[in-house]
Amino acid sequence: SITLSVILNVLKPAEALSGFADTTIWLIV
């Protein structure tokens, strides 16, 4: 889904990967 969001020009690459910088994700890990 995030790959398609970039390929289809919906989000920029940095925007599509921004979720992985969220502190919530690292709390879960």
All heavy atoms as atom14 arrays in JSON, in Angstrom:
{
  "sequence": "SITLSVILNVLKPAEALSGFADTTIWLIV",
  "atom14_mask": [
    [1, 1, 1, 1, 1, 1, 0, 0, 0, 0, 0, 0, 0, 0],
    [1, 1, 1, 1, 1, 1, 1, 1, 0, 0, 0, 0, 0, 0],
    [1, 1, 1, 1, 1, 1, 1, 0, 0, 0, 0, 0, 0, 0],
    [1, 1, 1, 1, 1, 1, 1, 1, 0, 0, 0, 0, 0, 0],
    [1, 1, 1, 1, 1, 1, 0, 0, 0, 0, 0, 0, 0, 0],
    [1, 1, 1, 1, 1, 1, 1, 0, 0, 0, 0, 0, 0, 0],
    [1, 1, 1, 1, 1, 1, 1, 1, 0, 0, 0, 0, 0, 0],
    [1, 1, 1, 1, 1, 1, 1, 1, 0, 0, 0, 0, 0, 0],
    [1, 1, 1, 1, 1, 1, 1, 1, 0, 0, 0, 0, 0, 0],
    [1, 1, 1, 1, 1, 1, 1, 0, 0, 0, 0, 0, 0, 0],
    [1, 1, 1, 1, 1, 1, 1, 1, 0, 0, 0, 0, 0, 0],
    [1, 1, 1, 1, 1, 1, 1, 1, 1, 0, 0, 0, 0, 0],
    [1, 1, 1, 1, 1, 1, 1, 0, 0, 0, 0, 0, 0, 0],
    [1, 1, 1, 1, 1, 0, 0, 0, 0, 0, 0, 0, 0, 0],
    [1, 1, 1, 1, 1, 1, 1, 1, 1, 0, 0, 0, 0, 0],
    [1, 1, 1, 1, 1, 0, 0, 0, 0, 0, 0, 0, 0, 0],
    [1, 1, 1, 1, 1, 1, 1, 1, 0, 0, 0, 0, 0, 0],
    [1, 1, 1, 1, 1, 1, 0, 0, 0, 0, 0, 0, 0, 0],
    [1, 1, 1, 1, 0, 0, 0, 0, 0, 0, 0, 0, 0, 0],
    [1, 1, 1, 1, 1, 1, 1, 1, 1, 1, 1, 0, 0, 0],
    [1, 1, 1, 1, 1, 0, 0, 0, 0, 0, 0, 0, 0, 0],
    [1, 1, 1, 1, 1, 1, 1, 1, 0, 0, 0, 0, 0, 0],
    [1, 1, 1, 1, 1, 1, 1, 0, 0, 0, 0, 0, 0, 0],
    [1, 1, 1, 1, 1, 1, 1, 0, 0, 0, 0, 0, 0, 0],
    [1, 1, 1, 1, 1, 1, 1, 1, 0, 0, 0, 0, 0, 0],
    [1, 1, 1, 1, 1, 1, 1, 1, 1, 1, 1, 1, 1, 1],
    [1, 1, 1, 1, 1, 1, 1, 1, 0, 0, 0, 0, 0, 0],
    [1, 1, 1, 1, 1, 1, 1, 1, 0, 0, 0, 0, 0, 0],
    [1, 1, 1, 1, 1, 1, 1, 0, 0, 0, 0, 0, 0, 0]
  ],
  "atom14_positions": [
    [[0.82, -1.22, 0.0], [0.0, 0.0, 0.0], [0.85, 1.26, 0.0], [0.58, 2.2, -0.76], [-0.93, 0.0, 1.21], [-1.84, -1.08, 1.13], [0.0, 0.0, 0.0], [0.0, 0.0, 0.0], [0.0, 0.0, 0.0], [0.0, 0.0, 0.0], [0.0, 0.0, 0.0], [0.0, 0.0, 0.0], [0.0, 0.0, 0.0], [0.0, 0.0, 0.0]],
    [[1.87, 1.31, 0.86], [2.69, 2.53, 0.88], [3.56, 2.62, -0.38], [3.88, 3.71, -0.85], [3.56, 2.64, 2.15], [4.51, 1.45, 2.3], [2.68, 2.79, 3.38], [5.55, 1.66, 3.4], [0.0, 0.0, 0.0], [0.0, 0.0, 0.0], [0.0, 0.0, 0.0], [0.0, 0.0, 0.0], [0.0, 0.0, 0.0], [0.0, 0.0, 0.0]],
    [[3.89, 1.45, -0.96], [4.63, 1.46, -2.22], [3.76, 2.06, -3.33], [4.21, 2.91, -4.11], [5.06, 0.03, -2.62], [5.86, -0.52, -1.57], [5.84, 0.03, -3.91], [0.0, 0.0, 0.0], [0.0, 0.0, 0.0], [0.0, 0.0, 0.0], [0.0, 0.0, 0.0], [0.0, 0.0, 0.0], [0.0, 0.0, 0.0], [0.0, 0.0, 0.0]],
    [[2.5, 1.61, -3.38], [1.58, 2.14, -4.4], [1.31, 3.63, -4.2], [1.14, 4.36, -5.17], [0.27, 1.37, -4.36], [0.28, -0.04, -4.95], [-1.05, -0.75, -4.7], [0.56, 0.03, -6.46], [0.0, 0.0, 0.0], [0.0, 0.0, 0.0], [0.0, 0.0, 0.0], [0.0, 0.0, 0.0], [0.0, 0.0, 0.0], [0.0, 0.0, 0.0]],
    [[1.26, 4.06, -2.95], [0.98, 5.48, -2.7], [2.05, 6.38, -3.31], [1.77, 7.51, -3.7], [0.87, 5.74, -1.19], [2.12, 5.63, -0.55], [0.0, 0.0, 0.0], [0.0, 0.0, 0.0], [0.0, 0.0, 0.0], [0.0, 0.0, 0.0], [0.0, 0.0, 0.0], [0.0, 0.0, 0.0], [0.0, 0.0, 0.0], [0.0, 0.0, 0.0]],
    [[3.27, 5.85, -3.41], [4.36, 6.61, -4.04], [4.32, 6.46, -5.56], [4.4, 7.45, -6.3], [5.74, 6.15, -3.49], [6.87, 6.86, -4.24], [5.82, 6.43, -2.0], [0.0, 0.0, 0.0], [0.0, 0.0, 0.0], [0.0, 0.0, 0.0], [0.0, 0.0, 0.0], [0.0, 0.0, 0.0], [0.0, 0.0, 0.0], [0.0, 0.0, 0.0]],
    [[4.19, 5.21, -6.01], [4.17, 4.95, -7.46], [3.04, 5.72, -8.14], [3.2, 6.26, -9.25], [4.02, 3.44, -7.73], [5.27, 2.7, -7.27], [3.76, 3.17, -9.21], [5.16, 1.19, -7.36], [0.0, 0.0, 0.0], [0.0, 0.0, 0.0], [0.0, 0.0, 0.0], [0.0, 0.0, 0.0], [0.0, 0.0, 0.0], [0.0, 0.0, 0.0]],
    [[1.88, 5.78, -7.48], [0.71, 6.45, -8.05], [0.69, 7.95, -7.75], [-0.32, 8.63, -7.99], [-0.57, 5.79, -7.53], [-0.72, 4.3, -7.9], [-1.94, 3.7, -7.2], [-0.85, 4.14, -9.41], [0.0, 0.0, 0.0], [0.0, 0.0, 0.0], [0.0, 0.0, 0.0], [0.0, 0.0, 0.0], [0.0, 0.0, 0.0], [0.0, 0.0, 0.0]],
    [[1.79, 8.45, -7.19], [1.97, 9.88, -6.97], [0.95, 10.47, -5.99], [0.56, 11.64, -6.11], [1.91, 10.63, -8.3], [2.67, 11.95, -8.23], [3.68, 12.06, -7.51], [2.2, 12.95, -8.96], [0.0, 0.0, 0.0], [0.0, 0.0, 0.0], [0.0, 0.0, 0.0], [0.0, 0.0, 0.0], [0.0, 0.0, 0.0], [0.0, 0.0, 0.0]],
    [[0.53, 9.65, -5.02], [-0.37, 10.14, -3.98], [0.42, 10.75, -2.84], [0.05, 11.79, -2.29], [-1.27, 8.99, -3.46], [-2.17, 9.49, -2.33], [-2.11, 8.42, -4.59], [0.0, 0.0, 0.0], [0.0, 0.0, 0.0], [0.0, 0.0, 0.0], [0.0, 0.0, 0.0], [0.0, 0.0, 0.0], [0.0, 0.0, 0.0], [0.0, 0.0, 0.0]],
    [[1.54, 10.09, -2.48], [2.43, 10.6, -1.45], [3.86, 10.63, -1.98], [4.21, 9.86, -2.88], [2.4, 9.7, -0.19], [1.07, 9.59, 0.57], [1.22, 8.57, 1.7], [0.63, 10.94, 1.12], [0.0, 0.0, 0.0], [0.0, 0.0, 0.0], [0.0, 0.0, 0.0], [0.0, 0.0, 0.0], [0.0, 0.0, 0.0], [0.0, 0.0, 0.0]],
    [[4.67, 11.5, -1.4], [6.09, 11.51, -1.72], [6.78, 10.4, -0.92], [6.26, 9.97, 0.12], [6.69, 12.87, -1.37], [6.1, 14.01, -2.19], [6.65, 15.35, -1.72], [6.02, 16.5, -2.52], [6.49, 17.83, -2.03], [0.0, 0.0, 0.0], [0.0, 0.0, 0.0], [0.0, 0.0, 0.0], [0.0, 0.0, 0.0], [0.0, 0.0, 0.0]],
    [[7.94, 9.92, -1.38], [8.62, 8.82, -0.67], [8.81, 9.1, 0.82], [8.56, 8.22, 1.66], [9.96, 8.72, -1.4], [9.65, 9.18, -2.79], [8.64, 10.27, -2.62], [0.0, 0.0, 0.0], [0.0, 0.0, 0.0], [0.0, 0.0, 0.0], [0.0, 0.0, 0.0], [0.0, 0.0, 0.0], [0.0, 0.0, 0.0], [0.0, 0.0, 0.0]],
    [[9.26, 10.29, 1.16], [9.49, 10.61, 2.58], [8.18, 10.58, 3.37], [8.15, 10.17, 4.54], [10.16, 11.97, 2.71], [0.0, 0.0, 0.0], [0.0, 0.0, 0.0], [0.0, 0.0, 0.0], [0.0, 0.0, 0.0], [0.0, 0.0, 0.0], [0.0, 0.0, 0.0], [0.0, 0.0, 0.0], [0.0, 0.0, 0.0], [0.0, 0.0, 0.0]],
    [[7.09, 11.02, 2.74], [5.79, 11.0, 3.41], [5.33, 9.56, 3.62], [4.8, 9.22, 4.7], [4.76, 11.76, 2.57], [5.01, 13.26, 2.5], [4.06, 13.97, 1.55], [3.6, 13.32, 0.56], [3.76, 15.16, 1.78], [0.0, 0.0, 0.0], [0.0, 0.0, 0.0], [0.0, 0.0, 0.0], [0.0, 0.0, 0.0], [0.0, 0.0, 0.0]],
    [[5.5, 8.71, 2.62], [5.06, 7.32, 2.72], [5.81, 6.55, 3.81], [5.27, 5.6, 4.39], [5.25, 6.62, 1.37], [0.0, 0.0, 0.0], [0.0, 0.0, 0.0], [0.0, 0.0, 0.0], [0.0, 0.0, 0.0], [0.0, 0.0, 0.0], [0.0, 0.0, 0.0], [0.0, 0.0, 0.0], [0.0, 0.0, 0.0], [0.0, 0.0, 0.0]],
    [[7.04, 6.97, 4.08], [7.85, 6.28, 5.09], [7.82, 6.98, 6.45], [8.46, 6.52, 7.39], [9.3, 6.17, 4.6], [9.51, 5.35, 3.33], [10.95, 5.47, 2.85], [9.15, 3.89, 3.56], [0.0, 0.0, 0.0], [0.0, 0.0, 0.0], [0.0, 0.0, 0.0], [0.0, 0.0, 0.0], [0.0, 0.0, 0.0], [0.0, 0.0, 0.0]],
    [[7.06, 8.04, 6.56], [7.06, 8.84, 7.79], [6.51, 8.07, 8.99], [6.88, 8.35, 10.13], [6.25, 10.13, 7.59], [4.89, 9.83, 7.29], [0.0, 0.0, 0.0], [0.0, 0.0, 0.0], [0.0, 0.0, 0.0], [0.0, 0.0, 0.0], [0.0, 0.0, 0.0], [0.0, 0.0, 0.0], [0.0, 0.0, 0.0], [0.0, 0.0, 0.0]],
    [[5.64, 7.11, 8.73], [5.06, 6.34, 9.84], [6.09, 5.57, 10.64], [5.92, 5.34, 11.84], [0.0, 0.0, 0.0], [0.0, 0.0, 0.0], [0.0, 0.0, 0.0], [0.0, 0.0, 0.0], [0.0, 0.0, 0.0], [0.0, 0.0, 0.0], [0.0, 0.0, 0.0], [0.0, 0.0, 0.0], [0.0, 0.0, 0.0], [0.0, 0.0, 0.0]],
    [[7.2, 5.2, 9.98], [8.21, 4.4, 10.67], [9.06, 5.25, 11.62], [9.84, 4.7, 12.41], [9.1, 3.69, 9.66], [8.33, 2.76, 8.77], [8.08, 3.08, 7.44], [7.81, 1.58, 9.26], [7.34, 2.25, 6.63], [7.06, 0.73, 8.46], [6.83, 1.06, 7.13], [0.0, 0.0, 0.0], [0.0, 0.0, 0.0], [0.0, 0.0, 0.0]],
    [[8.92, 6.56, 11.54], [9.63, 7.45, 12.47], [8.76, 7.78, 13.68], [9.22, 8.45, 14.6], [10.03, 8.74, 11.75], [0.0, 0.0, 0.0], [0.0, 0.0, 0.0], [0.0, 0.0, 0.0], [0.0, 0.0, 0.0], [0.0, 0.0, 0.0], [0.0, 0.0, 0.0], [0.0, 0.0, 0.0], [0.0, 0.0, 0.0], [0.0, 0.0, 0.0]],
    [[7.53, 7.31, 13.68], [6.61, 7.58, 14.77], [7.07, 6.83, 16.02], [7.36, 5.63, 15.97], [5.19, 7.14, 14.38], [4.14, 7.67, 15.33], [4.16, 7.27, 16.5], [3.29, 8.46, 14.89], [0.0, 0.0, 0.0], [0.0, 0.0, 0.0], [0.0, 0.0, 0.0], [0.0, 0.0, 0.0], [0.0, 0.0, 0.0], [0.0, 0.0, 0.0]],
    [[7.12, 7.51, 17.17], [7.58, 6.86, 18.4], [6.68, 5.71, 18.81], [7.13, 4.76, 19.46], [7.65, 7.88, 19.56], [6.37, 8.48, 19.74], [8.68, 8.96, 19.27], [0.0, 0.0, 0.0], [0.0, 0.0, 0.0], [0.0, 0.0, 0.0], [0.0, 0.0, 0.0], [0.0, 0.0, 0.0], [0.0, 0.0, 0.0], [0.0, 0.0, 0.0]],
    [[5.41, 5.78, 18.43], [4.48, 4.7, 18.76], [4.96, 3.36, 18.2], [4.85, 2.32, 18.86], [3.08, 5.02, 18.19], [2.62, 6.23, 18.76], [2.1, 3.9, 18.48], [0.0, 0.0, 0.0], [0.0, 0.0, 0.0], [0.0, 0.0, 0.0], [0.0, 0.0, 0.0], [0.0, 0.0, 0.0], [0.0, 0.0, 0.0], [0.0, 0.0, 0.0]],
    [[5.48, 3.39, 16.99], [5.92, 2.15, 16.34], [7.07, 1.53, 17.13], [7.11, 0.3, 17.34], [6.36, 2.44, 14.89], [5.21, 3.11, 14.12], [6.8, 1.16, 14.21], [3.9, 2.37, 14.18], [0.0, 0.0, 0.0], [0.0, 0.0, 0.0], [0.0, 0.0, 0.0], [0.0, 0.0, 0.0], [0.0, 0.0, 0.0], [0.0, 0.0, 0.0]],
    [[7.98, 2.35, 17.62], [9.12, 1.82, 18.36], [8.73, 1.39, 19.77], [9.36, 0.5, 20.36], [10.25, 2.84, 18.37], [10.84, 2.94, 17.0], [10.56, 3.87, 16.05], [11.74, 1.99, 16.4], [11.24, 3.58, 14.89], [11.98, 2.44, 15.08], [12.37, 0.84, 16.84], [12.81, 1.75, 14.2], [13.2, 0.15, 15.97], [13.42, 0.61, 14.67]],
    [[7.66, 1.96, 20.3], [7.12, 1.46, 21.57], [6.62, 0.03, 21.38], [6.85, -0.85, 22.22], [5.98, 2.37, 22.05], [5.18, 1.86, 23.26], [6.08, 1.67, 24.48], [4.02, 2.8, 23.58], [0.0, 0.0, 0.0], [0.0, 0.0, 0.0], [0.0, 0.0, 0.0], [0.0, 0.0, 0.0], [0.0, 0.0, 0.0], [0.0, 0.0, 0.0]],
    [[5.94, -0.2, 20.27], [5.4, -1.53, 19.99], [6.53, -2.55, 19.82], [6.51, -3.64, 20.41], [4.52, -1.49, 18.73], [3.27, -0.66, 18.99], [4.14, -2.9, 18.28], [2.5, -0.28, 17.76], [0.0, 0.0, 0.0], [0.0, 0.0, 0.0], [0.0, 0.0, 0.0], [0.0, 0.0, 0.0], [0.0, 0.0, 0.0], [0.0, 0.0, 0.0]],
    [[7.54, -2.19, 19.03], [8.67, -3.1, 18.81], [9.36, -3.41, 20.14], [9.64, -4.58, 20.47], [9.69, -2.49, 17.82], [10.95, -3.36, 17.76], [9.07, -2.38, 16.43], [0.0, 0.0, 0.0], [0.0, 0.0, 0.0], [0.0, 0.0, 0.0], [0.0, 0.0, 0.0], [0.0, 0.0, 0.0], [0.0, 0.0, 0.0], [0.0, 0.0, 0.0]]
  ]
}
